[in-house]
């Protein structure tokens, strides 16, 4: 899917992604994850990196010890697209994402 999502489409997609929040000022979505320790956080990031590489769509993210913050936006399109929604859905299906507190 390409092309910017209309606000109504973004809102509908976010209903399927309750842990993600719209970043109005960025035309993006974001989610924070907290793990038991650095190793668990790093393992999660590795899993996300493999998903991102496979899809050819890469997140903005940061890691501090046991916390990982992910922001998804499609830079080439200037905002939120179906690629971001698809990657967020794939991330949410990772077992480690569900183990995050």
N, C-alpha and C. Protein backbone atom coordinates (compact mmCIF):
# COMPACT_ATOMS: atom_id res chain seq x y z
N UNK A 1 0.84 -1.18 0.00
CA UNK A 1 0.00 0.00 0.00
C UNK A 1 0.88 1.24 0.00
N UNK A 2 0.57 2.16 -0.85
CA UNK A 2 1.29 3.42 -0.86
C UNK A 2 0.29 4.56 -0.87
N UNK A 3 0.80 5.74 -0.67
CA UNK A 3 -0.05 6.91 -0.59
C UNK A 3 -0.41 7.21 0.85
N UNK A 4 -0.47 8.49 1.15
CA UNK A 4 -0.80 8.91 2.51
C UNK A 4 -2.19 8.46 2.91
N UNK A 5 -2.33 8.06 4.17
CA UNK A 5 -3.65 7.70 4.68
C UNK A 5 -4.41 8.96 5.06
N UNK A 6 -5.67 9.01 4.70
CA UNK A 6 -6.54 10.09 5.14
C UNK A 6 -6.76 9.93 6.65
N UNK A 7 -7.06 11.02 7.35
CA UNK A 7 -7.28 10.92 8.80
C UNK A 7 -8.29 9.84 9.20
N UNK A 8 -9.37 9.70 8.45
CA UNK A 8 -10.37 8.68 8.78
C UNK A 8 -9.80 7.28 8.62
N UNK A 9 -8.98 7.08 7.59
CA UNK A 9 -8.35 5.77 7.38
C UNK A 9 -7.33 5.49 8.48
N UNK A 10 -6.58 6.51 8.88
CA UNK A 10 -5.63 6.35 9.97
C UNK A 10 -6.37 5.95 11.24
N UNK A 11 -7.45 6.64 11.55
CA UNK A 11 -8.21 6.35 12.76
C UNK A 11 -8.78 4.93 12.73
N UNK A 12 -9.26 4.50 11.58
CA UNK A 12 -9.78 3.14 11.46
C UNK A 12 -8.67 2.11 11.66
N UNK A 13 -7.50 2.38 11.10
CA UNK A 13 -6.38 1.46 11.26
C UNK A 13 -5.92 1.40 12.71
N UNK A 14 -5.93 2.53 13.39
CA UNK A 14 -5.51 2.55 14.79
C UNK A 14 -6.45 1.76 15.70
N UNK A 15 -7.67 1.56 15.27
CA UNK A 15 -8.59 0.73 16.06
C UNK A 15 -8.12 -0.71 16.09
N UNK A 16 -7.35 -1.12 15.08
CA UNK A 16 -6.79 -2.48 15.06
C UNK A 16 -5.42 -2.52 15.73
N UNK A 17 -4.93 -1.36 16.15
CA UNK A 17 -3.61 -1.23 16.79
C UNK A 17 -3.75 -0.43 18.10
N UNK A 18 -4.45 -0.97 19.08
CA UNK A 18 -4.76 -0.17 20.28
C UNK A 18 -3.54 0.28 21.09
N UNK A 19 -2.41 -0.39 20.95
CA UNK A 19 -1.22 0.00 21.71
C UNK A 19 -0.43 1.13 21.03
N UNK A 20 -0.79 1.44 19.80
CA UNK A 20 -0.10 2.48 19.04
C UNK A 20 -0.88 3.79 19.15
N UNK A 21 -0.17 4.90 19.08
CA UNK A 21 -0.86 6.19 19.15
C UNK A 21 -0.45 7.07 17.97
N UNK A 22 -1.40 7.86 17.53
CA UNK A 22 -1.15 8.79 16.42
C UNK A 22 -0.27 9.93 16.92
N UNK A 23 0.68 10.32 16.12
CA UNK A 23 1.55 11.45 16.40
C UNK A 23 1.15 12.56 15.43
N UNK A 24 0.17 13.35 15.82
CA UNK A 24 -0.43 14.34 14.93
C UNK A 24 0.59 15.28 14.31
N UNK A 25 1.55 15.72 15.11
CA UNK A 25 2.53 16.67 14.62
C UNK A 25 3.52 16.05 13.65
N UNK A 26 3.57 14.71 13.61
CA UNK A 26 4.55 14.02 12.77
C UNK A 26 3.93 13.23 11.63
N UNK A 27 2.60 13.09 11.60
CA UNK A 27 1.96 12.21 10.62
C UNK A 27 2.59 10.82 10.72
N UNK A 28 2.54 10.30 11.94
CA UNK A 28 3.19 9.03 12.25
C UNK A 28 2.40 8.33 13.36
N UNK A 29 2.78 7.08 13.63
CA UNK A 29 2.27 6.36 14.80
C UNK A 29 3.46 5.92 15.64
N UNK A 30 3.23 5.74 16.93
CA UNK A 30 4.32 5.38 17.83
C UNK A 30 3.84 4.43 18.91
N UNK A 31 4.79 3.67 19.41
CA UNK A 31 4.53 2.76 20.53
C UNK A 31 5.80 2.61 21.35
N UNK A 32 5.64 2.53 22.66
CA UNK A 32 6.74 2.29 23.58
C UNK A 32 6.61 0.88 24.14
N UNK A 33 7.74 0.22 24.27
CA UNK A 33 7.81 -1.14 24.81
C UNK A 33 8.76 -1.14 26.00
N UNK A 34 8.45 -1.95 27.00
CA UNK A 34 9.32 -2.11 28.16
C UNK A 34 9.52 -3.61 28.39
N UNK A 35 10.78 -4.02 28.52
CA UNK A 35 11.13 -5.43 28.68
C UNK A 35 11.79 -5.66 30.03
N UNK A 36 12.04 -6.92 30.36
CA UNK A 36 12.61 -7.23 31.67
C UNK A 36 14.06 -6.76 31.80
N UNK A 37 14.78 -6.70 30.67
CA UNK A 37 16.19 -6.28 30.72
C UNK A 37 16.66 -5.91 29.32
N UNK A 38 17.92 -5.51 29.23
CA UNK A 38 18.49 -5.09 27.94
C UNK A 38 18.48 -6.23 26.92
N UNK A 39 18.81 -7.45 27.36
CA UNK A 39 18.86 -8.57 26.42
C UNK A 39 17.51 -8.81 25.76
N UNK A 40 16.45 -8.73 26.53
CA UNK A 40 15.10 -8.93 25.96
C UNK A 40 14.76 -7.80 24.99
N UNK A 41 15.13 -6.58 25.35
CA UNK A 41 14.87 -5.44 24.46
C UNK A 41 15.66 -5.59 23.17
N UNK A 42 16.91 -6.00 23.27
CA UNK A 42 17.74 -6.15 22.08
C UNK A 42 17.24 -7.29 21.20
N UNK A 43 16.79 -8.38 21.81
CA UNK A 43 16.23 -9.50 21.03
C UNK A 43 14.99 -9.03 20.26
N UNK A 44 14.15 -8.24 20.91
CA UNK A 44 12.97 -7.69 20.25
C UNK A 44 13.39 -6.81 19.07
N UNK A 45 14.37 -5.95 19.27
CA UNK A 45 14.83 -5.07 18.20
C UNK A 45 15.36 -5.88 17.02
N UNK A 46 16.02 -6.98 17.31
CA UNK A 46 16.53 -7.85 16.25
C UNK A 46 15.37 -8.43 15.45
N UNK A 47 14.34 -8.86 16.14
CA UNK A 47 13.16 -9.40 15.45
C UNK A 47 12.50 -8.33 14.58
N UNK A 48 12.38 -7.13 15.11
CA UNK A 48 11.78 -6.03 14.35
C UNK A 48 12.66 -5.70 13.14
N UNK A 49 13.97 -5.70 13.34
CA UNK A 49 14.89 -5.40 12.23
C UNK A 49 14.71 -6.39 11.08
N UNK A 50 14.52 -7.66 11.40
CA UNK A 50 14.31 -8.66 10.36
C UNK A 50 12.99 -8.43 9.63
N UNK A 51 11.94 -8.08 10.37
CA UNK A 51 10.66 -7.74 9.73
C UNK A 51 10.80 -6.53 8.82
N UNK A 52 11.48 -5.52 9.33
CA UNK A 52 11.64 -4.28 8.58
C UNK A 52 12.43 -4.52 7.30
N UNK A 53 13.49 -5.27 7.40
CA UNK A 53 14.32 -5.53 6.23
C UNK A 53 13.53 -6.33 5.19
N UNK A 54 12.77 -7.31 5.66
CA UNK A 54 11.97 -8.13 4.75
C UNK A 54 10.93 -7.28 4.02
N UNK A 55 10.35 -6.32 4.72
CA UNK A 55 9.32 -5.49 4.12
C UNK A 55 9.89 -4.28 3.37
N UNK A 56 11.17 -4.01 3.56
CA UNK A 56 11.78 -2.85 2.92
C UNK A 56 11.27 -1.54 3.50
N UNK A 57 10.86 -1.58 4.75
CA UNK A 57 10.32 -0.40 5.42
C UNK A 57 10.88 -0.35 6.83
N UNK A 58 11.59 0.69 7.15
CA UNK A 58 12.37 0.72 8.38
C UNK A 58 11.85 1.75 9.38
N UNK A 59 11.82 1.38 10.67
CA UNK A 59 11.28 2.27 11.70
C UNK A 59 12.30 3.30 12.16
N UNK A 60 11.78 4.33 12.78
CA UNK A 60 12.60 5.21 13.61
C UNK A 60 12.48 4.60 14.99
N UNK A 61 13.58 4.42 15.67
CA UNK A 61 13.49 3.83 17.00
C UNK A 61 14.64 4.24 17.88
N UNK A 62 14.44 4.01 19.17
CA UNK A 62 15.50 4.25 20.14
C UNK A 62 15.40 3.19 21.22
N UNK A 63 16.53 2.95 21.87
CA UNK A 63 16.61 1.96 22.93
C UNK A 63 17.41 2.53 24.08
N UNK A 64 16.85 2.45 25.26
CA UNK A 64 17.57 2.78 26.49
C UNK A 64 17.32 1.62 27.44
N UNK A 65 18.35 0.86 27.72
CA UNK A 65 18.34 -0.32 28.58
C UNK A 65 17.18 -1.26 28.21
N UNK A 66 16.09 -1.25 28.96
CA UNK A 66 15.00 -2.20 28.72
C UNK A 66 13.81 -1.59 28.00
N UNK A 67 13.99 -0.41 27.44
CA UNK A 67 12.90 0.29 26.77
C UNK A 67 13.22 0.49 25.28
N UNK A 68 12.20 0.30 24.47
CA UNK A 68 12.32 0.52 23.03
C UNK A 68 11.14 1.40 22.61
N UNK A 69 11.43 2.46 21.91
CA UNK A 69 10.40 3.34 21.35
C UNK A 69 10.47 3.25 19.84
N UNK A 70 9.32 3.04 19.22
CA UNK A 70 9.25 2.92 17.76
C UNK A 70 8.27 3.95 17.21
N UNK A 71 8.70 4.65 16.18
CA UNK A 71 7.84 5.56 15.42
C UNK A 71 7.84 5.09 13.98
N UNK A 72 6.66 5.01 13.41
CA UNK A 72 6.52 4.59 12.02
C UNK A 72 5.91 5.71 11.20
N UNK A 73 6.59 6.03 10.11
CA UNK A 73 6.13 7.00 9.13
C UNK A 73 6.84 6.66 7.83
N UNK A 74 6.26 7.03 6.72
CA UNK A 74 6.88 6.75 5.42
C UNK A 74 7.49 8.05 4.91
N UNK A 75 8.79 8.17 5.04
CA UNK A 75 9.46 9.42 4.68
C UNK A 75 9.27 9.79 3.21
N UNK A 76 9.32 8.79 2.33
CA UNK A 76 9.16 9.06 0.90
C UNK A 76 7.80 9.67 0.56
N UNK A 77 6.80 9.36 1.37
CA UNK A 77 5.44 9.86 1.13
C UNK A 77 5.12 11.08 1.99
N UNK A 78 5.96 11.35 2.98
CA UNK A 78 5.73 12.51 3.85
C UNK A 78 4.71 12.28 4.95
N UNK A 79 4.52 11.01 5.34
CA UNK A 79 3.57 10.75 6.41
C UNK A 79 3.18 9.29 6.50
N UNK A 80 2.06 9.05 7.14
CA UNK A 80 1.59 7.70 7.43
C UNK A 80 0.96 7.05 6.20
N UNK A 81 1.41 5.82 5.93
CA UNK A 81 0.86 5.05 4.81
C UNK A 81 0.51 3.64 5.27
N UNK A 82 -0.01 2.87 4.35
CA UNK A 82 -0.32 1.47 4.63
C UNK A 82 0.90 0.67 5.02
N UNK A 83 2.09 1.07 4.54
CA UNK A 83 3.32 0.37 4.92
C UNK A 83 3.54 0.45 6.43
N UNK A 84 3.23 1.59 7.01
CA UNK A 84 3.41 1.77 8.45
C UNK A 84 2.43 0.91 9.23
N UNK A 85 1.19 0.86 8.76
CA UNK A 85 0.17 0.06 9.42
C UNK A 85 0.54 -1.42 9.34
N UNK A 86 0.98 -1.86 8.17
CA UNK A 86 1.37 -3.26 7.99
C UNK A 86 2.54 -3.64 8.91
N UNK A 87 3.53 -2.75 9.01
CA UNK A 87 4.68 -3.06 9.87
C UNK A 87 4.26 -3.06 11.34
N UNK A 88 3.41 -2.13 11.74
CA UNK A 88 2.92 -2.11 13.13
C UNK A 88 2.17 -3.40 13.45
N UNK A 89 1.33 -3.85 12.54
CA UNK A 89 0.60 -5.10 12.75
C UNK A 89 1.56 -6.28 12.88
N UNK A 90 2.58 -6.32 12.04
CA UNK A 90 3.58 -7.39 12.10
C UNK A 90 4.35 -7.35 13.42
N UNK A 91 4.72 -6.16 13.86
CA UNK A 91 5.43 -6.01 15.14
C UNK A 91 4.55 -6.51 16.28
N UNK A 92 3.28 -6.16 16.25
CA UNK A 92 2.37 -6.58 17.31
C UNK A 92 2.19 -8.09 17.36
N UNK A 93 2.43 -8.77 16.26
CA UNK A 93 2.31 -10.23 16.24
C UNK A 93 3.54 -10.95 16.79
N UNK A 94 4.63 -10.21 17.00
CA UNK A 94 5.83 -10.84 17.57
C UNK A 94 5.54 -11.26 19.01
N UNK A 95 5.89 -12.48 19.37
CA UNK A 95 5.67 -12.92 20.76
C UNK A 95 6.33 -11.98 21.77
N UNK A 96 7.49 -11.46 21.44
CA UNK A 96 8.19 -10.57 22.37
C UNK A 96 7.46 -9.25 22.56
N UNK A 97 6.70 -8.80 21.56
CA UNK A 97 5.93 -7.57 21.70
C UNK A 97 4.82 -7.76 22.72
N UNK A 98 4.23 -8.94 22.72
CA UNK A 98 3.16 -9.24 23.67
C UNK A 98 3.68 -9.45 25.08
N UNK A 99 4.98 -9.80 25.20
CA UNK A 99 5.57 -10.00 26.53
C UNK A 99 6.01 -8.67 27.14
N UNK A 100 6.07 -7.63 26.32
CA UNK A 100 6.52 -6.32 26.82
C UNK A 100 5.47 -5.76 27.76
N UNK A 101 5.95 -5.08 28.78
CA UNK A 101 5.02 -4.49 29.75
C UNK A 101 4.68 -3.08 29.43
